[in-house]
Protein backbone atom coordinates (compact mmCIF):
# COMPACT_ATOMS: atom_id res chain seq x y z
CA MET A 1 -147.93 157.05 98.16
CA ALA A 2 -143.99 158.55 98.14
CA GLY A 3 -143.12 161.55 96.71
CA LYS A 4 -142.02 162.03 93.35
CA PHE A 5 -139.70 163.89 91.05
CA GLU A 6 -141.05 165.86 88.03
CA VAL A 7 -138.99 166.97 84.91
CA TYR A 8 -140.34 169.97 83.35
CA GLU A 9 -139.51 172.63 80.73
CA ASP A 10 -139.32 176.04 82.10
CA ARG A 11 -140.09 179.50 80.29
CA ALA A 12 -136.43 179.47 79.26
CA GLY A 13 -136.13 176.43 77.58
CA LYS A 14 -134.30 174.87 80.30
CA PHE A 15 -135.25 171.49 81.94
CA ARG A 16 -135.51 171.20 85.83
CA PHE A 17 -136.82 168.93 88.28
CA ARG A 18 -138.75 169.15 91.35
CA LEU A 19 -139.19 166.70 94.26
CA LYS A 20 -142.98 166.89 95.41
CA ALA A 21 -144.15 165.17 98.57
CA SER A 22 -146.99 162.76 98.39
CA ASN A 23 -149.23 165.47 99.24
CA GLY A 24 -148.26 167.70 96.29
CA GLN A 25 -146.10 170.52 98.15
CA VAL A 26 -142.78 170.78 96.28
CA VAL A 27 -140.03 170.31 98.69
CA ALA A 28 -137.06 170.72 96.40
CA THR A 29 -135.86 171.99 93.22
CA GLY A 30 -133.16 171.40 90.75
CA GLU A 31 -130.98 173.69 88.79
CA ALA A 32 -131.40 174.27 84.98
CA TYR A 33 -130.11 171.89 82.69
CA GLU A 34 -129.83 172.22 78.87
CA ASN A 35 -131.77 168.81 78.18
CA LYS A 36 -134.40 166.51 79.85
CA ALA A 37 -131.65 163.95 79.88
CA ALA A 38 -129.59 165.84 82.28
CA ALA A 39 -132.12 167.00 84.46
CA LYS A 40 -133.09 163.09 84.80
CA LYS A 41 -129.64 162.42 85.93
CA GLY A 42 -129.73 165.53 88.35
CA CYS A 43 -132.96 163.81 89.78
CA GLU A 44 -130.94 160.06 90.12
CA SER A 45 -127.92 162.19 91.83
CA VAL A 46 -130.21 163.59 94.51
CA GLN A 47 -131.62 160.06 95.04
CA ARG A 48 -128.16 158.55 95.69
CA ALA A 49 -126.84 161.46 97.78
CA ALA A 50 -130.02 161.53 99.76
CA GLU A 51 -130.06 157.77 100.71
CA GLY A 52 -128.72 157.47 104.09
CA ALA A 53 -127.86 161.28 104.62
CA GLU A 54 -127.83 162.56 108.24
CA VAL A 55 -129.58 165.91 108.91
CA VAL A 56 -127.20 168.44 110.88
CA GLU A 57 -127.87 171.82 111.91
CA ALA A 58 -125.60 174.58 110.15
CA SER A 59 -123.92 177.12 112.13
CA ASN A 60 -124.38 181.09 111.36
CA ALA A 61 -121.54 182.39 109.84
């Protein structure tokens, strides 16, 4: 089973998303959005940006 995005309402009434691995572990979380539709668009943006993205090491600044 592949991972999945979950969209949920936080305690402050904002909408967020989290990406869960197939084992249920949260591997990424999104920022707070004003509505559920915007949170879903955030998921879609992450999906598009991650497709084919390379992994690089960040330098310690």
